[in-house]
Each structure stands twice: as C-alpha cells, then as structure tokens.
N, C-alpha and C. Protein backbone atom coordinates (compact mmCIF):
# COMPACT_ATOMS: atom_id res chain seq x y z
N MET A 1 126.05 97.88 97.99
CA MET A 1 125.52 98.33 96.74
C MET A 1 124.02 98.15 96.61
N PRO A 2 123.38 97.21 97.31
CA PRO A 2 121.93 97.22 97.25
C PRO A 2 121.38 98.44 97.98
N TYR A 3 120.39 99.08 97.38
CA TYR A 3 119.71 100.21 98.00
C TYR A 3 118.21 99.98 97.93
N LEU A 4 117.57 99.98 99.08
CA LEU A 4 116.13 99.82 99.16
C LEU A 4 115.55 101.10 99.73
N ASN A 5 114.59 101.68 99.01
CA ASN A 5 113.89 102.86 99.47
C ASN A 5 112.42 102.50 99.65
N ILE A 6 111.86 102.87 100.80
CA ILE A 6 110.44 102.63 101.06
C ILE A 6 109.77 103.96 101.29
N GLU A 7 108.65 104.16 100.62
CA GLU A 7 107.81 105.33 100.84
C GLU A 7 106.41 104.82 101.15
N THR A 8 105.77 105.43 102.14
CA THR A 8 104.41 105.04 102.49
C THR A 8 103.63 106.25 102.98
N ASN A 9 102.33 106.20 102.77
CA ASN A 9 101.46 107.24 103.29
C ASN A 9 101.03 106.93 104.72
N HIS A 10 101.45 105.82 105.22
CA HIS A 10 101.11 105.34 106.56
C HIS A 10 102.06 105.97 107.58
N SER A 11 101.53 106.55 108.63
CA SER A 11 102.38 107.12 109.68
C SER A 11 103.02 105.99 110.47
N VAL A 12 104.33 106.07 110.63
CA VAL A 12 105.09 105.02 111.31
C VAL A 12 105.93 105.69 112.40
N ASP A 13 105.78 105.20 113.62
CA ASP A 13 106.56 105.84 114.68
C ASP A 13 108.03 105.43 114.60
N GLU A 14 108.87 106.18 115.27
CA GLU A 14 110.32 106.04 115.15
C GLU A 14 110.81 104.64 115.52
N ALA A 15 110.27 104.05 116.57
CA ALA A 15 110.72 102.72 117.00
C ALA A 15 110.41 101.67 115.93
N VAL A 16 109.22 101.73 115.35
CA VAL A 16 108.84 100.78 114.30
C VAL A 16 109.70 101.01 113.06
N ARG A 17 109.90 102.27 112.70
CA ARG A 17 110.73 102.60 111.53
C ARG A 17 112.15 102.05 111.70
N ASN A 18 112.75 102.27 112.86
CA ASN A 18 114.11 101.80 113.09
C ASN A 18 114.19 100.27 113.07
N SER A 19 113.18 99.63 113.63
CA SER A 19 113.12 98.16 113.60
C SER A 19 113.00 97.67 112.16
N MET A 20 112.14 98.32 111.37
CA MET A 20 111.97 97.95 109.96
C MET A 20 113.27 98.12 109.18
N LEU A 21 113.98 99.23 109.41
CA LEU A 21 115.25 99.45 108.71
C LEU A 21 116.21 98.29 108.96
N SER A 22 116.32 97.87 110.20
CA SER A 22 117.22 96.75 110.54
C SER A 22 116.77 95.45 109.90
N LYS A 23 115.48 95.15 110.00
CA LYS A 23 114.96 93.91 109.43
C LYS A 23 115.11 93.88 107.91
N LEU A 24 114.86 95.01 107.28
CA LEU A 24 114.99 95.08 105.83
C LEU A 24 116.43 94.95 105.38
N SER A 25 117.35 95.52 106.12
CA SER A 25 118.77 95.40 105.79
C SER A 25 119.22 93.94 105.83
N VAL A 26 118.82 93.23 106.86
CA VAL A 26 119.15 91.81 106.99
C VAL A 26 118.51 91.01 105.85
N LEU A 27 117.24 91.29 105.57
CA LEU A 27 116.52 90.57 104.52
C LEU A 27 117.17 90.76 103.16
N ILE A 28 117.50 92.01 102.81
CA ILE A 28 118.11 92.29 101.51
C ILE A 28 119.47 91.60 101.39
N ALA A 29 120.28 91.70 102.42
CA ALA A 29 121.59 91.05 102.39
C ALA A 29 121.45 89.54 102.18
N ALA A 30 120.52 88.93 102.90
CA ALA A 30 120.33 87.48 102.79
C ALA A 30 119.79 87.08 101.41
N GLN A 31 118.78 87.80 100.94
CA GLN A 31 118.15 87.46 99.66
C GLN A 31 119.10 87.64 98.48
N LEU A 32 120.00 88.63 98.58
CA LEU A 32 120.90 88.92 97.47
C LEU A 32 122.30 88.35 97.67
N ASP A 33 122.51 87.61 98.76
CA ASP A 33 123.82 87.04 99.06
C ASP A 33 124.91 88.12 99.04
N LYS A 34 124.61 89.25 99.68
CA LYS A 34 125.55 90.37 99.77
C LYS A 34 125.88 90.62 101.23
N SER A 35 127.03 91.21 101.47
CA SER A 35 127.39 91.60 102.82
C SER A 35 126.48 92.75 103.26
N GLU A 36 125.98 92.67 104.47
CA GLU A 36 125.12 93.74 104.97
C GLU A 36 125.88 95.06 105.06
N SER A 37 127.20 95.00 105.08
CA SER A 37 128.00 96.23 105.16
C SER A 37 127.85 97.09 103.90
N TYR A 38 127.29 96.54 102.83
CA TYR A 38 127.06 97.30 101.60
C TYR A 38 125.60 97.71 101.42
N VAL A 39 124.71 97.23 102.27
CA VAL A 39 123.28 97.47 102.10
C VAL A 39 122.88 98.83 102.67
N MET A 40 122.10 99.59 101.90
CA MET A 40 121.54 100.87 102.37
C MET A 40 120.02 100.78 102.27
N VAL A 41 119.35 101.23 103.32
CA VAL A 41 117.89 101.22 103.35
C VAL A 41 117.42 102.59 103.81
N SER A 42 116.42 103.14 103.12
CA SER A 42 115.82 104.39 103.56
C SER A 42 114.31 104.20 103.69
N PHE A 43 113.71 105.03 104.53
CA PHE A 43 112.29 104.88 104.86
C PHE A 43 111.69 106.27 104.98
N ALA A 44 110.74 106.60 104.14
CA ALA A 44 110.08 107.90 104.17
C ALA A 44 108.61 107.73 104.52
N SER A 45 108.21 108.36 105.63
CA SER A 45 106.84 108.24 106.10
C SER A 45 106.49 109.46 106.94
N PRO A 46 105.31 109.96 106.87
CA PRO A 46 104.30 109.70 105.83
C PRO A 46 104.56 110.54 104.59
N ARG A 47 104.21 109.97 103.46
CA ARG A 47 104.30 110.64 102.16
C ARG A 47 102.88 110.77 101.62
N PRO A 48 102.56 111.90 101.00
CA PRO A 48 101.25 111.98 100.35
C PRO A 48 101.22 110.98 99.19
N MET A 49 100.33 110.01 99.27
CA MET A 49 100.23 108.98 98.23
C MET A 49 98.78 108.56 98.06
N LEU A 50 98.44 108.22 96.84
CA LEU A 50 97.12 107.72 96.50
C LEU A 50 97.33 106.48 95.65
N PHE A 51 96.63 105.41 95.98
CA PHE A 51 96.74 104.16 95.21
C PHE A 51 95.34 103.60 95.04
N ALA A 52 94.99 103.23 93.82
CA ALA A 52 93.67 102.69 93.50
C ALA A 52 92.56 103.64 93.94
N ALA A 53 92.81 104.93 93.74
CA ALA A 53 91.84 106.01 94.01
C ALA A 53 91.49 106.20 95.48
N THR A 54 92.32 105.63 96.39
CA THR A 54 92.10 105.86 97.82
C THR A 54 93.42 106.21 98.49
N ASN A 55 93.32 106.84 99.63
CA ASN A 55 94.53 107.13 100.41
C ASN A 55 94.66 106.17 101.59
N ASP A 56 94.05 104.99 101.48
CA ASP A 56 94.27 103.93 102.47
C ASP A 56 95.77 103.62 102.48
N PRO A 57 96.27 103.04 103.58
CA PRO A 57 97.71 102.76 103.64
C PRO A 57 98.22 101.99 102.42
N CYS A 58 99.32 102.50 101.86
CA CYS A 58 99.95 101.87 100.71
C CYS A 58 101.46 102.13 100.80
N ALA A 59 102.22 101.44 99.97
CA ALA A 59 103.67 101.62 99.99
C ALA A 59 104.25 101.41 98.61
N TYR A 60 105.34 102.13 98.37
CA TYR A 60 106.13 101.98 97.14
C TYR A 60 107.55 101.66 97.57
N LEU A 61 108.08 100.56 97.08
CA LEU A 61 109.45 100.15 97.38
C LEU A 61 110.25 100.15 96.09
N SER A 62 111.48 100.59 96.19
CA SER A 62 112.38 100.60 95.05
C SER A 62 113.68 99.93 95.49
N LEU A 63 114.08 98.88 94.80
CA LEU A 63 115.30 98.16 95.12
C LEU A 63 116.23 98.18 93.91
N LYS A 64 117.42 98.73 94.11
CA LYS A 64 118.45 98.75 93.08
C LYS A 64 119.66 98.00 93.60
N SER A 65 120.29 97.24 92.71
CA SER A 65 121.49 96.51 93.10
C SER A 65 122.26 96.10 91.87
N ILE A 66 123.56 96.04 92.02
CA ILE A 66 124.41 95.51 90.95
C ILE A 66 124.16 94.01 90.85
N GLY A 67 123.92 93.54 89.65
CA GLY A 67 123.73 92.11 89.45
C GLY A 67 122.39 91.57 89.92
N LEU A 68 121.39 92.44 90.03
CA LEU A 68 120.06 91.98 90.46
C LEU A 68 119.43 91.18 89.33
N SER A 69 119.28 89.92 89.57
CA SER A 69 118.74 88.99 88.57
C SER A 69 117.22 88.93 88.64
N SER A 70 116.58 88.90 87.48
CA SER A 70 115.12 88.76 87.46
C SER A 70 114.68 87.43 88.08
N ALA A 71 115.58 86.46 88.15
CA ALA A 71 115.25 85.19 88.79
C ALA A 71 115.05 85.35 90.30
N LYS A 72 115.62 86.40 90.89
CA LYS A 72 115.50 86.62 92.34
C LYS A 72 114.31 87.50 92.71
N THR A 73 113.73 88.21 91.74
CA THR A 73 112.69 89.17 92.09
C THR A 73 111.39 88.54 92.63
N PRO A 74 110.96 87.37 92.18
CA PRO A 74 109.75 86.81 92.79
C PRO A 74 109.90 86.54 94.29
N ALA A 75 111.03 85.98 94.69
CA ALA A 75 111.26 85.71 96.13
C ALA A 75 111.43 87.01 96.91
N LEU A 76 112.11 87.98 96.31
CA LEU A 76 112.25 89.29 96.95
C LEU A 76 110.90 89.96 97.13
N SER A 77 110.07 89.92 96.10
CA SER A 77 108.75 90.52 96.19
C SER A 77 107.93 89.88 97.30
N ALA A 78 107.94 88.57 97.37
CA ALA A 78 107.19 87.86 98.40
C ALA A 78 107.70 88.21 99.80
N ALA A 79 109.01 88.20 99.99
CA ALA A 79 109.59 88.49 101.31
C ALA A 79 109.37 89.93 101.73
N LEU A 80 109.57 90.87 100.81
CA LEU A 80 109.37 92.29 101.14
C LEU A 80 107.91 92.59 101.45
N CYS A 81 107.00 92.08 100.62
CA CYS A 81 105.57 92.31 100.88
C CYS A 81 105.13 91.71 102.20
N GLN A 82 105.62 90.51 102.50
CA GLN A 82 105.25 89.87 103.76
C GLN A 82 105.73 90.69 104.95
N LEU A 83 106.97 91.15 104.90
CA LEU A 83 107.51 91.93 106.02
C LEU A 83 106.76 93.25 106.18
N VAL A 84 106.50 93.96 105.10
CA VAL A 84 105.78 95.23 105.18
C VAL A 84 104.36 95.01 105.69
N GLU A 85 103.71 93.96 105.22
CA GLU A 85 102.35 93.67 105.69
C GLU A 85 102.34 93.32 107.17
N GLU A 86 103.26 92.46 107.60
CA GLU A 86 103.29 92.04 109.01
C GLU A 86 103.66 93.19 109.95
N GLU A 87 104.64 93.98 109.56
CA GLU A 87 105.15 95.02 110.46
C GLU A 87 104.35 96.32 110.40
N LEU A 88 103.83 96.66 109.22
CA LEU A 88 103.15 97.94 109.06
C LEU A 88 101.65 97.81 108.84
N GLY A 89 101.17 96.59 108.59
CA GLY A 89 99.75 96.38 108.38
C GLY A 89 99.26 96.86 107.02
N ILE A 90 100.18 97.04 106.08
CA ILE A 90 99.80 97.45 104.72
C ILE A 90 99.57 96.19 103.89
N PRO A 91 98.37 96.00 103.36
CA PRO A 91 98.09 94.79 102.58
C PRO A 91 99.02 94.66 101.37
N LYS A 92 99.39 93.43 101.07
CA LYS A 92 100.28 93.16 99.93
C LYS A 92 99.72 93.74 98.63
N ALA A 93 98.42 93.75 98.50
CA ALA A 93 97.78 94.26 97.28
C ALA A 93 97.89 95.78 97.15
N ARG A 94 98.44 96.44 98.19
CA ARG A 94 98.61 97.89 98.14
C ARG A 94 100.09 98.26 98.21
N ILE A 95 100.93 97.36 97.72
CA ILE A 95 102.38 97.58 97.69
C ILE A 95 102.88 97.38 96.27
N TYR A 96 103.58 98.38 95.76
CA TYR A 96 104.29 98.25 94.49
C TYR A 96 105.79 98.17 94.80
N ILE A 97 106.48 97.36 94.01
CA ILE A 97 107.94 97.26 94.15
C ILE A 97 108.56 97.41 92.76
N GLU A 98 109.53 98.30 92.68
CA GLU A 98 110.29 98.47 91.44
C GLU A 98 111.69 97.89 91.66
N PHE A 99 112.09 96.99 90.80
CA PHE A 99 113.42 96.38 90.87
C PHE A 99 114.28 96.94 89.74
N ALA A 100 115.54 97.22 90.03
CA ALA A 100 116.44 97.73 88.99
C ALA A 100 117.83 97.14 89.18
N ASP A 101 118.37 96.64 88.08
CA ASP A 101 119.75 96.14 88.06
C ASP A 101 120.64 97.31 87.66
N ALA A 102 121.61 97.62 88.49
CA ALA A 102 122.51 98.74 88.20
C ALA A 102 123.81 98.24 87.58
N ALA A 103 124.23 98.92 86.53
CA ALA A 103 125.52 98.58 85.92
C ALA A 103 126.64 99.00 86.87
N ARG A 104 127.69 98.20 86.96
CA ARG A 104 128.82 98.52 87.85
C ARG A 104 129.37 99.92 87.61
N SER A 105 129.45 100.31 86.36
CA SER A 105 130.02 101.62 86.02
C SER A 105 129.09 102.77 86.40
N MET A 106 127.84 102.46 86.73
CA MET A 106 126.86 103.49 87.07
C MET A 106 126.55 103.53 88.57
N TRP A 107 127.36 102.83 89.37
CA TRP A 107 127.14 102.78 90.82
C TRP A 107 128.44 103.17 91.49
N GLY A 108 128.42 104.28 92.19
CA GLY A 108 129.63 104.79 92.84
C GLY A 108 129.65 104.53 94.33
N TRP A 109 130.85 104.41 94.87
CA TRP A 109 131.07 104.23 96.30
C TRP A 109 132.53 104.49 96.61
N ASN A 110 132.76 105.17 97.68
CA ASN A 110 134.11 105.37 98.18
C ASN A 110 135.02 106.06 97.14
N GLY A 111 134.42 106.98 96.39
CA GLY A 111 135.19 107.74 95.40
C GLY A 111 135.49 106.99 94.12
N LYS A 112 134.88 105.80 93.95
CA LYS A 112 135.10 104.99 92.76
C LYS A 112 133.77 104.44 92.27
N THR A 113 133.81 103.68 91.22
CA THR A 113 132.65 102.89 90.80
C THR A 113 133.01 101.42 90.98
N PHE A 114 131.99 100.60 90.99
CA PHE A 114 132.22 99.17 91.17
C PHE A 114 132.71 98.52 89.89
C-alpha cells in the first residue's frame, strides 16, 4: 500500500534507476514497518522541472500510504533526502517531498479496498 513516486529533471541511467528503485523499496518498507511485498515505487526521469528559478538538478517525491503518521515524516524526509542526495547527487535543499495518509476505503488492491 505504500506508493513512492520520484520525479527529477536529472538524467539517470537505467542501472542507477533500477538500483534506486530497489533501495527505495527497502527503505520505505523498513521506515513504515510494512511488508515490501506491498510497496510500489516509480521513478520518472528526466522531467522538465524548475525549482528556485533554475533548472539545476532537483526532485519531487510523493509518498502515500495507509496509516502514514505525521510522527514518521521527519525520519522519512531525512532518509529519503539522504538517499537521493547520495545516489543522484541532488542536494537536499532541492528536494520536495509530499506525504499523504490514504484512507483504507480510498486505496484499492486486488479488486478490493483495504
């Protein structure tokens, strides 16, 4: 049920992208105490993006999950920014993250809702 989407204007080659997808899936599962079998991660690169009036490398991350507590978002923000900065070279100050708690009735899977 956790879904993380990453968009960046930074060109990322396939090997790095695939490595990031795996690392992010593990990170999200661990941070949210969820089975990785429910985690979905997507990565879109390059996207036309402008941040702070420049097109220097930047990223937008969106994380949705059932039961996402605001108490967990500071640690998630720190871990996600660190990983993106280390792996992609995008400074933390050029990363936005949107967190959203999804209601069980508004999240579908396997022909049902949670």
